[in-house]
């Protein structure tokens, strides 16, 4: 099964880590869906509007690029997508989100998606 990855906090800003993650996933042939509050397109994928909480399925990995101060209203939605794992990139760590995700049977990884991809640990 391919590891369909949801990039939360996706952006067209080429200087942001979420953009680098989309680039790296695309270059590694890993399917991804970008989602956030910014509109646009990254590597051929339209950025989905997080505020509309789209009905998504078969999400393997959620990689977070929004800080704890902006996560609260999305936690239950993201958990409802039933991913296999959530990667909390540096600066996104959130003990409340960790706990809720673990309670829902989701693997929680305080890690860096870019490092994981570069070291074949993804």
C-alpha atoms as a PDB file:
ATOM      1  CA  UNK A   1       0.000   0.000   0.000  1.00  0.00           C
ATOM      2  CA  UNK A   2       1.285   3.410  -0.867  1.00  0.00           C
ATOM      3  CA  UNK A   3       1.761   5.829   1.976  1.00  0.00           C
ATOM      4  CA  UNK A   4      -0.693   8.580   1.006  1.00  0.00           C
ATOM      5  CA  UNK A   5       0.489  11.550   3.020  1.00  0.00           C
ATOM      6  CA  UNK A   6      -1.561  14.557   4.096  1.00  0.00           C
ATOM      7  CA  UNK A   7       0.608  17.683   4.407  1.00  0.00           C
ATOM      8  CA  UNK A   8      -1.159  19.872   6.980  1.00  0.00           C
ATOM      9  CA  UNK A   9      -0.152  23.506   6.635  1.00  0.00           C
ATOM     10  CA  UNK A  10       0.679  23.214   2.933  1.00  0.00           C
ATOM     11  CA  UNK A  11       1.819  26.379   1.199  1.00  0.00           C
ATOM     12  CA  UNK A  12       3.124  27.632  -2.121  1.00  0.00           C
ATOM     13  CA  UNK A  13       5.825  29.572  -0.222  1.00  0.00           C
ATOM     14  CA  UNK A  14       9.072  28.022  -1.467  1.00  0.00           C
ATOM     15  CA  UNK A  15      10.923  28.941   1.747  1.00  0.00           C
ATOM     16  CA  UNK A  16       8.638  26.908   4.067  1.00  0.00           C
ATOM     17  CA  UNK A  17       9.329  23.363   5.273  1.00  0.00           C
ATOM     18  CA  UNK A  18       5.831  22.228   4.214  1.00  0.00           C
ATOM     19  CA  UNK A  19       6.784  23.166   0.643  1.00  0.00           C
ATOM     20  CA  UNK A  20      10.081  21.253   0.934  1.00  0.00           C
ATOM     21  CA  UNK A  21       8.130  18.217   2.186  1.00  0.00           C
ATOM     22  CA  UNK A  22       5.811  18.332  -0.849  1.00  0.00           C
ATOM     23  CA  UNK A  23       8.868  18.569  -3.111  1.00  0.00           C
ATOM     24  CA  UNK A  24      10.609  15.638  -1.425  1.00  0.00           C
ATOM     25  CA  UNK A  25       7.457  13.464  -1.404  1.00  0.00           C
ATOM     26  CA  UNK A  26       6.849  14.212  -5.103  1.00  0.00           C
ATOM     27  CA  UNK A  27      10.480  13.403  -5.963  1.00  0.00           C
ATOM     28  CA  UNK A  28      10.251  10.118  -4.052  1.00  0.00           C
ATOM     29  CA  UNK A  29       7.033   9.105  -5.829  1.00  0.00           C
ATOM     30  CA  UNK A  30       5.038   9.164  -2.588  1.00  0.00           C
ATOM     31  CA  UNK A  31       1.458  10.328  -3.153  1.00  0.00           C
ATOM     32  CA  UNK A  32       0.418  13.333  -1.102  1.00  0.00           C
ATOM     33  CA  UNK A  33      -2.456  15.706  -0.552  1.00  0.00           C
ATOM     34  CA  UNK A  34      -1.661  19.248   0.534  1.00  0.00           C
ATOM     35  CA  UNK A  35      -4.159  20.860   2.908  1.00  0.00           C
ATOM     36  CA  UNK A  36      -4.138  24.224   4.624  1.00  0.00           C
ATOM     37  CA  UNK A  37      -5.721  27.639   4.781  1.00  0.00           C
ATOM     38  CA  UNK A  38      -3.691  29.015   1.893  1.00  0.00           C
ATOM     39  CA  UNK A  39      -4.871  28.436  -1.661  1.00  0.00           C
ATOM     40  CA  UNK A  40      -2.779  27.431  -4.617  1.00  0.00           C
ATOM     41  CA  UNK A  41      -1.072  24.399  -6.017  1.00  0.00           C
ATOM     42  CA  UNK A  42       2.097  22.523  -5.112  1.00  0.00           C
ATOM     43  CA  UNK A  43       3.710  20.034  -7.465  1.00  0.00           C
ATOM     44  CA  UNK A  44       0.508  19.478  -9.433  1.00  0.00           C
ATOM     45  CA  UNK A  45      -1.719  19.116  -6.364  1.00  0.00           C
ATOM     46  CA  UNK A  46      -4.341  21.716  -5.462  1.00  0.00           C
ATOM     47  CA  UNK A  47      -4.134  22.749  -1.805  1.00  0.00           C
ATOM     48  CA  UNK A  48      -7.327  21.548  -0.134  1.00  0.00           C
ATOM     49  CA  UNK A  49      -9.109  23.975   2.179  1.00  0.00           C
ATOM     50  CA  UNK A  50      -8.581  22.773   5.759  1.00  0.00           C
ATOM     51  CA  UNK A  51     -11.485  24.941   6.932  1.00  0.00           C
ATOM     52  CA  UNK A  52     -13.921  22.838   4.881  1.00  0.00           C
ATOM     53  CA  UNK A  53     -12.672  19.643   6.595  1.00  0.00           C
ATOM     54  CA  UNK A  54     -12.856  17.588   3.395  1.00  0.00           C
ATOM     55  CA  UNK A  55     -13.937  13.952   3.568  1.00  0.00           C
ATOM     56  CA  UNK A  56     -10.665  12.135   2.906  1.00  0.00           C
ATOM     57  CA  UNK A  57      -9.921   8.419   2.932  1.00  0.00           C
ATOM     58  CA  UNK A  58      -6.936   6.066   2.974  1.00  0.00           C
ATOM     59  CA  UNK A  59      -4.601   8.593   4.582  1.00  0.00           C
ATOM     60  CA  UNK A  60      -1.548   6.681   5.784  1.00  0.00           C
ATOM     61  CA  UNK A  61       0.477   9.554   7.221  1.00  0.00           C
ATOM     62  CA  UNK A  62      -0.331  13.047   8.396  1.00  0.00           C
ATOM     63  CA  UNK A  63       2.694  15.322   8.508  1.00  0.00           C
ATOM     64  CA  UNK A  64       2.092  18.469  10.536  1.00  0.00           C
ATOM     65  CA  UNK A  65       3.428  21.891   9.677  1.00  0.00           C
ATOM     66  CA  UNK A  66       1.177  24.013  11.907  1.00  0.00           C
ATOM     67  CA  UNK A  67       2.213  24.963  15.416  1.00  0.00           C
ATOM     68  CA  UNK A  68       0.303  23.970  18.574  1.00  0.00           C
ATOM     69  CA  UNK A  69      -1.372  27.400  18.810  1.00  0.00           C
ATOM     70  CA  UNK A  70      -3.139  26.707  15.498  1.00  0.00           C
ATOM     71  CA  UNK A  71      -3.916  22.996  15.944  1.00  0.00           C
ATOM     72  CA  UNK A  72      -6.780  22.929  18.432  1.00  0.00           C
ATOM     73  CA  UNK A  73      -9.680  23.333  15.998  1.00  0.00           C
ATOM     74  CA  UNK A  74      -8.286  20.636  13.664  1.00  0.00           C
ATOM     75  CA  UNK A  75      -7.275  17.889  16.135  1.00  0.00           C
ATOM     76  CA  UNK A  76     -10.566  15.967  16.124  1.00  0.00           C
ATOM     77  CA  UNK A  77     -10.903  16.285  12.344  1.00  0.00           C
ATOM     78  CA  UNK A  78      -7.365  15.013  11.709  1.00  0.00           C
ATOM     79  CA  UNK A  79      -7.839  12.095  14.101  1.00  0.00           C
ATOM     80  CA  UNK A  80     -11.156  11.265  12.388  1.00  0.00           C
ATOM     81  CA  UNK A  81      -9.205  10.623   9.168  1.00  0.00           C
ATOM     82  CA  UNK A  82      -7.787   7.544  10.937  1.00  0.00           C
ATOM     83  CA  UNK A  83      -4.215   7.781   9.670  1.00  0.00           C
ATOM     84  CA  UNK A  84      -1.715   5.089  10.611  1.00  0.00           C
ATOM     85  CA  UNK A  85       0.666   7.753  11.916  1.00  0.00           C
ATOM     86  CA  UNK A  86       1.064  11.462  12.566  1.00  0.00           C
ATOM     87  CA  UNK A  87       4.481  13.054  12.205  1.00  0.00           C
ATOM     88  CA  UNK A  88       4.910  16.056  14.474  1.00  0.00           C
ATOM     89  CA  UNK A  89       7.651  18.018  12.747  1.00  0.00           C
ATOM     90  CA  UNK A  90       9.908  20.245  14.896  1.00  0.00           C
ATOM     91  CA  UNK A  91       7.847  23.048  16.408  1.00  0.00           C
ATOM     92  CA  UNK A  92       4.517  21.226  16.066  1.00  0.00           C
ATOM     93  CA  UNK A  93       4.776  19.015  19.159  1.00  0.00           C
ATOM     94  CA  UNK A  94       1.588  19.056  21.223  1.00  0.00           C
ATOM     95  CA  UNK A  95       1.097  16.762  24.268  1.00  0.00           C
ATOM     96  CA  UNK A  96      -2.719  17.021  24.100  1.00  0.00           C
ATOM     97  CA  UNK A  97      -2.760  16.083  20.399  1.00  0.00           C
ATOM     98  CA  UNK A  98      -0.206  13.276  21.083  1.00  0.00           C
ATOM     99  CA  UNK A  99      -2.445  11.823  23.788  1.00  0.00           C
ATOM    100  CA  UNK A 100      -5.655  11.998  21.740  1.00  0.00           C
ATOM    101  CA  UNK A 101      -3.973  10.440  18.701  1.00  0.00           C
ATOM    102  CA  UNK A 102      -2.428   7.622  20.753  1.00  0.00           C
ATOM    103  CA  UNK A 103      -5.792   6.954  22.421  1.00  0.00           C
ATOM    104  CA  UNK A 104      -7.254   6.576  18.912  1.00  0.00           C
ATOM    105  CA  UNK A 105      -4.616   3.965  18.062  1.00  0.00           C
ATOM    106  CA  UNK A 106      -2.522   6.263  15.859  1.00  0.00           C
ATOM    107  CA  UNK A 107       1.270   6.095  15.912  1.00  0.00           C
ATOM    108  CA  UNK A 108       2.724   9.432  17.042  1.00  0.00           C
ATOM    109  CA  UNK A 109       6.172  10.414  15.815  1.00  0.00           C
ATOM    110  CA  UNK A 110       7.945  13.536  17.012  1.00  0.00           C
ATOM    111  CA  UNK A 111      10.245  13.548  13.979  1.00  0.00           C
ATOM    112  CA  UNK A 112      11.145  15.425  10.819  1.00  0.00           C
ATOM    113  CA  UNK A 113       9.567  14.295   7.578  1.00  0.00           C
ATOM    114  CA  UNK A 114      12.494  15.675   5.568  1.00  0.00           C
ATOM    115  CA  UNK A 115      15.061  13.772   7.629  1.00  0.00           C
ATOM    116  CA  UNK A 116      12.958  10.599   7.460  1.00  0.00           C
ATOM    117  CA  UNK A 117      12.786  10.862   3.654  1.00  0.00           C
ATOM    118  CA  UNK A 118      16.508  11.647   3.326  1.00  0.00           C
ATOM    119  CA  UNK A 119      17.472   8.657   5.456  1.00  0.00           C
ATOM    120  CA  UNK A 120      14.991   6.155   3.950  1.00  0.00           C
ATOM    121  CA  UNK A 121      13.041   5.904   7.202  1.00  0.00           C
ATOM    122  CA  UNK A 122       9.767   7.132   5.750  1.00  0.00           C
END
